[in-house]
């Protein structure tokens, strides 16, 4: 499973980016850089990631660093999948 690709696809689906996420790199900034990623979208994104990867995310595990870049989010998901 390519977690980076799956995370990008989830971002595209949840934020209705119309395919823009396919051009994202691990260094692409998320929170504060993508207008579609507001506080409500973060909640939807977490739920979608939980469903897509079969993981559970506790509120205290999430902070701004988790959503800083595509790579940070993918690394967080990879860590949850491996746990």
PDB file of N, CA and C in Angstrom:
ATOM      1  N   UNK A   1       0.844  -1.187   0.000  1.00  0.00           N
ATOM      2  CA  UNK A   1       0.000   0.000   0.000  1.00  0.00           C
ATOM      3  C   UNK A   1       0.884   1.243   0.000  1.00  0.00           C
ATOM      4  N   UNK A   2       0.604   2.148  -0.902  1.00  0.00           N
ATOM      5  CA  UNK A   2       1.330   3.412  -0.977  1.00  0.00           C
ATOM      6  C   UNK A   2       0.577   4.445  -0.141  1.00  0.00           C
ATOM      7  N   UNK A   3       1.015   4.600   1.097  1.00  0.00           N
ATOM      8  CA  UNK A   3       0.305   5.475   2.027  1.00  0.00           C
ATOM      9  C   UNK A   3       0.293   6.916   1.533  1.00  0.00           C
ATOM     10  N   UNK A   4       1.406   7.388   0.959  1.00  0.00           N
ATOM     11  CA  UNK A   4       1.429   8.766   0.441  1.00  0.00           C
ATOM     12  C   UNK A   4       0.337   8.975  -0.605  1.00  0.00           C
ATOM     13  N   UNK A   5       0.228   8.047  -1.541  1.00  0.00           N
ATOM     14  CA  UNK A   5      -0.778   8.167  -2.604  1.00  0.00           C
ATOM     15  C   UNK A   5      -2.183   8.089  -2.028  1.00  0.00           C
ATOM     16  N   UNK A   6      -2.393   7.201  -1.075  1.00  0.00           N
ATOM     17  CA  UNK A   6      -3.716   7.051  -0.456  1.00  0.00           C
ATOM     18  C   UNK A   6      -4.102   8.301   0.340  1.00  0.00           C
ATOM     19  N   UNK A   7      -3.140   8.890   1.028  1.00  0.00           N
ATOM     20  CA  UNK A   7      -3.408  10.121   1.778  1.00  0.00           C
ATOM     21  C   UNK A   7      -3.753  11.254   0.811  1.00  0.00           C
ATOM     22  N   UNK A   8      -3.012  11.364  -0.274  1.00  0.00           N
ATOM     23  CA  UNK A   8      -3.303  12.403  -1.272  1.00  0.00           C
ATOM     24  C   UNK A   8      -4.691  12.207  -1.881  1.00  0.00           C
ATOM     25  N   UNK A   9      -5.054  10.964  -2.168  1.00  0.00           N
ATOM     26  CA  UNK A   9      -6.377  10.691  -2.722  1.00  0.00           C
ATOM     27  C   UNK A   9      -7.462  11.036  -1.711  1.00  0.00           C
ATOM     28  N   UNK A  10      -7.221  10.745  -0.436  1.00  0.00           N
ATOM     29  CA  UNK A  10      -8.189  11.073   0.607  1.00  0.00           C
ATOM     30  C   UNK A  10      -8.343  12.587   0.723  1.00  0.00           C
ATOM     31  N   UNK A  11      -7.227  13.308   0.675  1.00  0.00           N
ATOM     32  CA  UNK A  11      -7.283  14.769   0.689  1.00  0.00           C
ATOM     33  C   UNK A  11      -8.120  15.280  -0.477  1.00  0.00           C
ATOM     34  N   UNK A  12      -7.873  14.735  -1.650  1.00  0.00           N
ATOM     35  CA  UNK A  12      -8.593  15.161  -2.843  1.00  0.00           C
ATOM     36  C   UNK A  12     -10.090  14.888  -2.714  1.00  0.00           C
ATOM     37  N   UNK A  13     -10.428  13.708  -2.218  1.00  0.00           N
ATOM     38  CA  UNK A  13     -11.832  13.328  -2.066  1.00  0.00           C
ATOM     39  C   UNK A  13     -12.547  14.190  -1.033  1.00  0.00           C
ATOM     40  N   UNK A  14     -11.969  14.296   0.164  1.00  0.00           N
ATOM     41  CA  UNK A  14     -12.624  14.997   1.274  1.00  0.00           C
ATOM     42  C   UNK A  14     -12.722  16.497   1.010  1.00  0.00           C
ATOM     43  N   UNK A  15     -11.667  17.070   0.434  1.00  0.00           N
ATOM     44  CA  UNK A  15     -11.635  18.520   0.227  1.00  0.00           C
ATOM     45  C   UNK A  15     -12.183  18.931  -1.138  1.00  0.00           C
ATOM     46  N   UNK A  16     -12.610  17.954  -1.928  1.00  0.00           N
ATOM     47  CA  UNK A  16     -13.151  18.225  -3.274  1.00  0.00           C
ATOM     48  C   UNK A  16     -12.178  19.084  -4.086  1.00  0.00           C
ATOM     49  N   UNK A  17     -10.943  18.601  -4.190  1.00  0.00           N
ATOM     50  CA  UNK A  17      -9.889  19.358  -4.869  1.00  0.00           C
ATOM     51  C   UNK A  17      -9.855  19.127  -6.375  1.00  0.00           C
ATOM     52  N   UNK A  18     -10.697  18.279  -6.884  1.00  0.00           N
ATOM     53  CA  UNK A  18     -10.765  18.072  -8.322  1.00  0.00           C
ATOM     54  C   UNK A  18      -9.479  17.576  -8.960  1.00  0.00           C
ATOM     55  N   UNK A  19      -8.738  16.731  -8.237  1.00  0.00           N
ATOM     56  CA  UNK A  19      -7.502  16.175  -8.769  1.00  0.00           C
ATOM     57  C   UNK A  19      -6.244  16.964  -8.436  1.00  0.00           C
ATOM     58  N   UNK A  20      -6.383  18.126  -7.816  1.00  0.00           N
ATOM     59  CA  UNK A  20      -5.203  18.943  -7.481  1.00  0.00           C
ATOM     60  C   UNK A  20      -4.224  18.218  -6.577  1.00  0.00           C
ATOM     61  N   UNK A  21      -4.728  17.343  -5.711  1.00  0.00           N
ATOM     62  CA  UNK A  21      -3.848  16.661  -4.760  1.00  0.00           C
ATOM     63  C   UNK A  21      -2.856  15.734  -5.442  1.00  0.00           C
ATOM     64  N   UNK A  22      -3.131  15.312  -6.664  1.00  0.00           N
ATOM     65  CA  UNK A  22      -2.194  14.415  -7.353  1.00  0.00           C
ATOM     66  C   UNK A  22      -0.846  15.089  -7.602  1.00  0.00           C
ATOM     67  N   UNK A  23      -0.827  16.418  -7.627  1.00  0.00           N
ATOM     68  CA  UNK A  23       0.426  17.156  -7.827  1.00  0.00           C
ATOM     69  C   UNK A  23       1.143  17.473  -6.517  1.00  0.00           C
ATOM     70  N   UNK A  24       0.527  17.131  -5.393  1.00  0.00           N
ATOM     71  CA  UNK A  24       1.143  17.415  -4.094  1.00  0.00           C
ATOM     72  C   UNK A  24       2.377  16.545  -3.901  1.00  0.00           C
ATOM     73  N   UNK A  25       3.381  17.110  -3.228  1.00  0.00           N
ATOM     74  CA  UNK A  25       4.564  16.351  -2.828  1.00  0.00           C
ATOM     75  C   UNK A  25       4.530  16.214  -1.313  1.00  0.00           C
ATOM     76  N   UNK A  26       5.481  15.500  -0.764  1.00  0.00           N
ATOM     77  CA  UNK A  26       5.545  15.363   0.702  1.00  0.00           C
ATOM     78  C   UNK A  26       5.759  16.719   1.370  1.00  0.00           C
ATOM     79  N   UNK A  27       6.343  17.663   0.647  1.00  0.00           N
ATOM     80  CA  UNK A  27       6.636  18.978   1.219  1.00  0.00           C
ATOM     81  C   UNK A  27       5.483  19.979   1.057  1.00  0.00           C
ATOM     82  N   UNK A  28       4.423  19.590   0.353  1.00  0.00           N
ATOM     83  CA  UNK A  28       3.301  20.498   0.140  1.00  0.00           C
ATOM     84  C   UNK A  28       2.658  20.854   1.474  1.00  0.00           C
ATOM     85  N   UNK A  29       2.583  22.149   1.749  1.00  0.00           N
ATOM     86  CA  UNK A  29       1.971  22.624   2.993  1.00  0.00           C
ATOM     87  C   UNK A  29       0.463  22.413   2.936  1.00  0.00           C
ATOM     88  N   UNK A  30      -0.118  22.069   4.073  1.00  0.00           N
ATOM     89  CA  UNK A  30      -1.560  21.841   4.137  1.00  0.00           C
ATOM     90  C   UNK A  30      -2.258  22.921   4.960  1.00  0.00           C
ATOM     91  N   UNK A  31      -2.182  22.780   6.274  1.00  0.00           N
ATOM     92  CA  UNK A  31      -2.918  23.671   7.168  1.00  0.00           C
ATOM     93  C   UNK A  31      -2.454  25.114   6.978  1.00  0.00           C
ATOM     94  N   UNK A  32      -3.382  25.980   6.622  1.00  0.00           N
ATOM     95  CA  UNK A  32      -3.069  27.377   6.387  1.00  0.00           C
ATOM     96  C   UNK A  32      -2.691  27.682   4.957  1.00  0.00           C
ATOM     97  N   UNK A  33      -2.413  26.647   4.156  1.00  0.00           N
ATOM     98  CA  UNK A  33      -2.006  26.849   2.766  1.00  0.00           C
ATOM     99  C   UNK A  33      -3.108  26.449   1.782  1.00  0.00           C
ATOM    100  N   UNK A  34      -3.972  25.556   2.204  1.00  0.00           N
ATOM    101  CA  UNK A  34      -5.074  25.102   1.352  1.00  0.00           C
ATOM    102  C   UNK A  34      -6.370  25.615   1.964  1.00  0.00           C
ATOM    103  N   UNK A  35      -7.017  26.571   1.306  1.00  0.00           N
ATOM    104  CA  UNK A  35      -8.227  27.186   1.877  1.00  0.00           C
ATOM    105  C   UNK A  35      -9.316  26.175   2.224  1.00  0.00           C
ATOM    106  N   UNK A  36      -9.395  25.089   1.476  1.00  0.00           N
ATOM    107  CA  UNK A  36     -10.427  24.081   1.734  1.00  0.00           C
ATOM    108  C   UNK A  36     -10.216  23.333   3.049  1.00  0.00           C
ATOM    109  N   UNK A  37      -9.000  23.374   3.587  1.00  0.00           N
ATOM    110  CA  UNK A  37      -8.690  22.644   4.816  1.00  0.00           C
ATOM    111  C   UNK A  37      -8.912  23.548   6.025  1.00  0.00           C
ATOM    112  N   UNK A  38     -10.187  23.692   6.394  1.00  0.00           N
ATOM    113  CA  UNK A  38     -10.528  24.469   7.583  1.00  0.00           C
ATOM    114  C   UNK A  38     -10.789  23.498   8.738  1.00  0.00           C
ATOM    115  N   UNK A  39     -11.203  24.026   9.875  1.00  0.00           N
ATOM    116  CA  UNK A  39     -11.369  23.183  11.061  1.00  0.00           C
ATOM    117  C   UNK A  39     -12.408  22.083  10.856  1.00  0.00           C
ATOM    118  N   UNK A  40     -13.484  22.377  10.152  1.00  0.00           N
ATOM    119  CA  UNK A  40     -14.501  21.357   9.893  1.00  0.00           C
ATOM    120  C   UNK A  40     -13.964  20.285   8.936  1.00  0.00           C
ATOM    121  N   UNK A  41     -13.174  20.705   7.973  1.00  0.00           N
ATOM    122  CA  UNK A  41     -12.600  19.755   7.024  1.00  0.00           C
ATOM    123  C   UNK A  41     -11.593  18.832   7.707  1.00  0.00           C
ATOM    124  N   UNK A  42     -10.895  19.343   8.717  1.00  0.00           N
ATOM    125  CA  UNK A  42      -9.944  18.510   9.455  1.00  0.00           C
ATOM    126  C   UNK A  42     -10.678  17.335  10.097  1.00  0.00           C
ATOM    127  N   UNK A  43     -11.834  17.617  10.691  1.00  0.00           N
ATOM    128  CA  UNK A  43     -12.626  16.554  11.319  1.00  0.00           C
ATOM    129  C   UNK A  43     -13.063  15.528  10.270  1.00  0.00           C
ATOM    130  N   UNK A  44     -13.541  15.999   9.135  1.00  0.00           N
ATOM    131  CA  UNK A  44     -13.959  15.095   8.055  1.00  0.00           C
ATOM    132  C   UNK A  44     -12.785  14.288   7.531  1.00  0.00           C
ATOM    133  N   UNK A  45     -11.635  14.924   7.418  1.00  0.00           N
ATOM    134  CA  UNK A  45     -10.440  14.246   6.922  1.00  0.00           C
ATOM    135  C   UNK A  45      -9.991  13.153   7.886  1.00  0.00           C
ATOM    136  N   UNK A  46     -10.006  13.437   9.174  1.00  0.00           N
ATOM    137  CA  UNK A  46      -9.622  12.427  10.161  1.00  0.00           C
ATOM    138  C   UNK A  46     -10.555  11.228  10.066  1.00  0.00           C
ATOM    139  N   UNK A  47     -11.853  11.482   9.972  1.00  0.00           N
ATOM    140  CA  UNK A  47     -12.830  10.402   9.858  1.00  0.00           C
ATOM    141  C   UNK A  47     -12.580   9.573   8.596  1.00  0.00           C
ATOM    142  N   UNK A  48     -12.316  10.234   7.481  1.00  0.00           N
ATOM    143  CA  UNK A  48     -12.055   9.533   6.228  1.00  0.00           C
ATOM    144  C   UNK A  48     -10.783   8.698   6.313  1.00  0.00           C
ATOM    145  N   UNK A  49      -9.750   9.231   6.951  1.00  0.00           N
ATOM    146  CA  UNK A  49      -8.502   8.478   7.108  1.00  0.00           C
ATOM    147  C   UNK A  49      -8.716   7.265   8.003  1.00  0.00           C
ATOM    148  N   UNK A  50      -9.489   7.426   9.064  1.00  0.00           N
ATOM    149  CA  UNK A  50      -9.788   6.297   9.952  1.00  0.00           C
ATOM    150  C   UNK A  50     -10.476   5.184   9.167  1.00  0.00           C
ATOM    151  N   UNK A  51     -11.453   5.555   8.346  1.00  0.00           N
ATOM    152  CA  UNK A  51     -12.191   4.562   7.567  1.00  0.00           C
ATOM    153  C   UNK A  51     -11.321   3.925   6.498  1.00  0.00           C
ATOM    154  N   UNK A  52     -10.555   4.726   5.797  1.00  0.00           N
ATOM    155  CA  UNK A  52      -9.744   4.228   4.680  1.00  0.00           C
ATOM    156  C   UNK A  52      -8.634   3.294   5.144  1.00  0.00           C
ATOM    157  N   UNK A  53      -8.014   3.616   6.283  1.00  0.00           N
ATOM    158  CA  UNK A  53      -6.853   2.847   6.750  1.00  0.00           C
ATOM    159  C   UNK A  53      -7.165   1.915   7.920  1.00  0.00           C
ATOM    160  N   UNK A  54      -8.404   1.934   8.423  1.00  0.00           N
ATOM    161  CA  UNK A  54      -8.759   1.068   9.545  1.00  0.00           C
ATOM    162  C   UNK A  54      -8.025   1.424  10.820  1.00  0.00           C
ATOM    163  N   UNK A  55      -7.867   2.721  11.066  1.00  0.00           N
ATOM    164  CA  UNK A  55      -7.151   3.193  12.257  1.00  0.00           C
ATOM    165  C   UNK A  55      -8.109   3.972  13.150  1.00  0.00           C
ATOM    166  N   UNK A  56      -7.678   4.216  14.374  1.00  0.00           N
ATOM    167  CA  UNK A  56      -8.410   5.072  15.305  1.00  0.00           C
ATOM    168  C   UNK A  56      -7.481   6.210  15.709  1.00  0.00           C
ATOM    169  N   UNK A  57      -7.988   7.430  15.658  1.00  0.00           N
ATOM    170  CA  UNK A  57      -7.195   8.608  16.011  1.00  0.00           C
ATOM    171  C   UNK A  57      -7.846   9.276  17.215  1.00  0.00           C
ATOM    172  N   UNK A  58      -7.098   9.368  18.301  1.00  0.00           N
ATOM    173  CA  UNK A  58      -7.584  10.047  19.497  1.00  0.00           C
ATOM    174  C   UNK A  58      -7.352  11.547  19.361  1.00  0.00           C
ATOM    175  N   UNK A  59      -8.220  12.333  19.975  1.00  0.00           N
ATOM    176  CA  UNK A  59      -8.120  13.794  19.896  1.00  0.00           C
ATOM    177  C   UNK A  59      -6.752  14.301  20.334  1.00  0.00           C
ATOM    178  N   UNK A  60      -6.172  13.681  21.369  1.00  0.00           N
ATOM    179  CA  UNK A  60      -4.899  14.172  21.904  1.00  0.00           C
ATOM    180  C   UNK A  60      -3.705  13.809  21.016  1.00  0.00           C
ATOM    181  N   UNK A  61      -3.924  13.044  19.964  1.00  0.00           N
ATOM    182  CA  UNK A  61      -2.847  12.694  19.037  1.00  0.00           C
ATOM    183  C   UNK A  61      -2.687  13.728  17.927  1.00  0.00           C
ATOM    184  N   UNK A  62      -3.649  14.603  17.788  1.00  0.00           N
ATOM    185  CA  UNK A  62      -3.685  15.545  16.676  1.00  0.00           C
ATOM    186  C   UNK A  62      -3.232  16.929  17.125  1.00  0.00           C
ATOM    187  N   UNK A  63      -2.344  17.520  16.340  1.00  0.00           N
ATOM    188  CA  UNK A  63      -1.985  18.929  16.554  1.00  0.00           C
ATOM    189  C   UNK A  63      -1.651  19.532  15.191  1.00  0.00           C
ATOM    190  N   UNK A  64      -1.290  20.774  15.168  1.00  0.00           N
ATOM    191  CA  UNK A  64      -1.007  21.460  13.916  1.00  0.00           C
ATOM    192  C   UNK A  64       0.112  20.822  13.119  1.00  0.00           C
ATOM    193  N   UNK A  65       1.088  20.233  13.814  1.00  0.00           N
ATOM    194  CA  UNK A  65       2.210  19.599  13.115  1.00  0.00           C
ATOM    195  C   UNK A  65       1.760  18.411  12.274  1.00  0.00           C
ATOM    196  N   UNK A  66       0.717  17.718  12.726  1.00  0.00           N
ATOM    197  CA  UNK A  66       0.216  16.559  11.998  1.00  0.00           C
ATOM    198  C   UNK A  66      -0.257  16.957  10.601  1.00  0.00           C
ATOM    199  N   UNK A  67      -0.820  18.165  10.502  1.00  0.00           N
ATOM    200  CA  UNK A  67      -1.371  18.649   9.235  1.00  0.00           C
ATOM    201  C   UNK A  67      -0.494  19.718   8.588  1.00  0.00           C
ATOM    202  N   UNK A  68       0.758  19.798   8.978  1.00  0.00           N
ATOM    203  CA  UNK A  68       1.651  20.819   8.426  1.00  0.00           C
ATOM    204  C   UNK A  68       1.942  20.578   6.948  1.00  0.00           C
ATOM    205  N   UNK A  69       2.236  19.335   6.592  1.00  0.00           N
ATOM    206  CA  UNK A  69       2.554  18.989   5.201  1.00  0.00           C
ATOM    207  C   UNK A  69       1.921  17.645   4.859  1.00  0.00           C
ATOM    208  N   UNK A  70       1.896  17.339   3.585  1.00  0.00           N
ATOM    209  CA  UNK A  70       1.410  16.031   3.136  1.00  0.00           C
ATOM    210  C   UNK A  70       2.265  14.932   3.764  1.00  0.00           C
ATOM    211  N   UNK A  71       3.569  15.133   3.784  1.00  0.00           N
ATOM    212  CA  UNK A  71       4.477  14.140   4.357  1.00  0.00           C
ATOM    213  C   UNK A  71       4.241  13.906   5.832  1.00  0.00           C
ATOM    214  N   UNK A  72       3.997  14.970   6.579  1.00  0.00           N
ATOM    215  CA  UNK A  72       3.739  14.832   8.014  1.00  0.00           C
ATOM    216  C   UNK A  72       2.462  14.031   8.248  1.00  0.00           C
ATOM    217  N   UNK A  73       1.441  14.309   7.455  1.00  0.00           N
ATOM    218  CA  UNK A  73       0.181  13.583   7.592  1.00  0.00           C
ATOM    219  C   UNK A  73       0.362  12.119   7.189  1.00  0.00           C
ATOM    220  N   UNK A  74       1.077  11.876   6.098  1.00  0.00           N
ATOM    221  CA  UNK A  74       1.325  10.497   5.654  1.00  0.00           C
ATOM    222  C   UNK A  74       2.146   9.732   6.688  1.00  0.00           C
ATOM    223  N   UNK A  75       3.133  10.376   7.295  1.00  0.00           N
ATOM    224  CA  UNK A  75       3.946   9.730   8.326  1.00  0.00           C
ATOM    225  C   UNK A  75       3.104   9.392   9.557  1.00  0.00           C
ATOM    226  N   UNK A  76       2.202  10.307   9.912  1.00  0.00           N
ATOM    227  CA  UNK A  76       1.309  10.050  11.045  1.00  0.00           C
ATOM    228  C   UNK A  76       0.446   8.823  10.751  1.00  0.00           C
ATOM    229  N   UNK A  77      -0.142   8.785   9.565  1.00  0.00           N
ATOM    230  CA  UNK A  77      -0.986   7.641   9.191  1.00  0.00           C
ATOM    231  C   UNK A  77      -0.176   6.357   9.166  1.00  0.00           C
ATOM    232  N   UNK A  78       1.028   6.399   8.605  1.00  0.00           N
ATOM    233  CA  UNK A  78       1.888   5.217   8.543  1.00  0.00           C
ATOM    234  C   UNK A  78       2.191   4.692   9.939  1.00  0.00           C
ATOM    235  N   UNK A  79       2.432   5.604  10.867  1.00  0.00           N
ATOM    236  CA  UNK A  79       2.691   5.199  12.252  1.00  0.00           C
ATOM    237  C   UNK A  79       1.482   4.540  12.888  1.00  0.00           C
ATOM    238  N   UNK A  80       0.290   5.037  12.572  1.00  0.00           N
ATOM    239  CA  UNK A  80      -0.936   4.449  13.111  1.00  0.00           C
ATOM    240  C   UNK A  80      -1.197   3.073  12.485  1.00  0.00           C
ATOM    241  N   UNK A  81      -0.943   2.951  11.186  1.00  0.00           N
ATOM    242  CA  UNK A  81      -1.172   1.677  10.495  1.00  0.00           C
ATOM    243  C   UNK A  81      -0.220   0.605  11.052  1.00  0.00           C
ATOM    244  N   UNK A  82       1.018   1.010  11.339  1.00  0.00           N
ATOM    245  CA  UNK A  82       2.027   0.059  11.818  1.00  0.00           C
ATOM    246  C   UNK A  82       1.799  -0.354  13.271  1.00  0.00           C
ATOM    247  N   UNK A  83       1.053   0.458  14.019  1.00  0.00           N
ATOM    248  CA  UNK A  83       0.862   0.191  15.455  1.00  0.00           C
ATOM    249  C   UNK A  83      -0.056  -0.997  15.700  1.00  0.00           C
TER     250      UNK A  83
END
